[in-house]
Protein backbone atom coordinates (compact mmCIF):
# COMPACT_ATOMS: atom_id res chain seq x y z
CA MET A 1 22.31 -13.97 22.67
CA PRO A 2 25.26 -13.35 24.94
CA SER A 3 26.97 -10.90 22.57
CA ILE A 4 24.17 -8.33 22.28
CA THR A 5 22.45 -6.21 24.93
CA THR A 6 19.62 -3.69 25.02
CA THR A 7 18.19 -1.05 27.33
CA ALA A 8 14.63 -1.95 26.25
CA THR A 9 12.37 -3.03 29.11
CA ALA A 10 11.01 -5.98 27.10
CA ARG A 11 14.59 -7.06 26.26
CA PHE A 12 14.53 -9.27 23.13
CA ASP A 13 11.58 -11.36 24.31
CA SER A 14 8.70 -9.14 23.19
CA ASN A 15 6.58 -10.61 20.41
CA GLY A 16 4.16 -7.68 20.57
CA GLY A 17 5.71 -6.08 17.50
CA HIS A 18 7.12 -2.96 19.20
CA PRO A 19 9.86 -3.97 21.68
CA PHE A 20 11.97 -0.80 21.21
CA VAL A 21 11.26 2.91 21.70
CA LEU A 22 12.62 5.01 18.82
CA ARG A 23 15.39 7.42 19.91
CA SER A 24 15.28 6.04 23.45
CA ASP A 25 16.33 2.38 23.62
CA THR A 26 19.74 1.19 22.50
CA VAL A 27 21.07 -2.10 21.20
CA THR A 28 24.76 -2.80 21.74
CA ILE A 29 26.76 -5.48 19.94
CA LEU A 30 29.69 -6.35 22.18
CA PRO A 31 33.32 -6.26 20.98
CA GLY A 32 34.54 -9.55 19.51
CA SER A 33 31.05 -10.55 18.35
CA THR A 34 30.67 -12.40 15.07
CA SER A 35 27.99 -11.80 12.49
CA HIS A 36 26.09 -14.19 10.25
CA VAL A 37 24.03 -13.50 7.16
CA ILE A 38 20.41 -14.62 7.46
CA SER A 39 18.32 -14.70 4.30
CA VAL A 40 14.72 -13.60 4.88
CA ILE A 41 11.65 -13.31 2.64
CA ASP A 42 9.39 -10.34 3.41
CA ASP A 43 6.46 -10.09 1.00
CA THR A 44 5.17 -6.86 2.54
CA ASP A 45 7.51 -3.87 2.63
CA GLY A 46 10.85 -5.07 4.01
CA HIS A 47 10.20 -3.61 7.47
CA PHE A 48 9.54 -6.96 9.21
CA ASP A 49 6.05 -5.75 10.11
CA ASP A 50 3.90 -8.83 10.56
CA ASP A 51 0.75 -6.79 11.24
CA ARG A 52 0.10 -6.46 7.52
CA GLY A 53 0.11 -9.33 5.07
CA MET A 54 2.35 -12.34 5.47
CA ALA A 55 4.93 -12.44 8.27
CA PRO A 56 8.64 -12.49 7.34
CA ARG A 57 10.07 -16.00 7.01
CA LEU A 58 13.41 -17.69 6.46
CA ASP A 59 14.55 -18.13 2.87
CA GLY A 60 15.88 -21.67 3.11
CA ASP A 61 17.31 -23.52 6.11
CA GLN A 62 19.22 -21.16 8.44
CA ILE A 63 21.30 -21.65 11.58
CA LEU A 64 20.32 -19.28 14.40
CA SER A 65 22.11 -19.53 17.75
CA GLY A 66 23.39 -23.00 16.85
CA THR A 67 19.94 -24.35 15.94
CA ILE A 68 18.88 -25.23 12.38
CA HIS A 69 15.53 -23.64 11.45
CA ALA A 70 13.71 -24.85 8.35
CA GLY A 71 13.20 -22.62 5.37
CA GLY A 72 9.79 -20.94 5.50
CA SER A 73 9.86 -20.64 9.31
CA VAL A 74 8.18 -17.42 10.45
CA ILE A 75 10.51 -15.07 12.30
């Protein structure tokens, strides 16, 4: 993800569920970045919290960072 940066110690590689510290860490999207809509199914509460119930998953095939991921893939 060359167009986004963060001050978080874990960067974007933490799968522990809590990579950012509220009101402390920042995420910066660099000028000239493009955005893409990703359709996600979240059967719990829409907060992408995979500690409760089913984890969020892709709603149909999606392209992320140039790679096609199958619908239903857990994110």
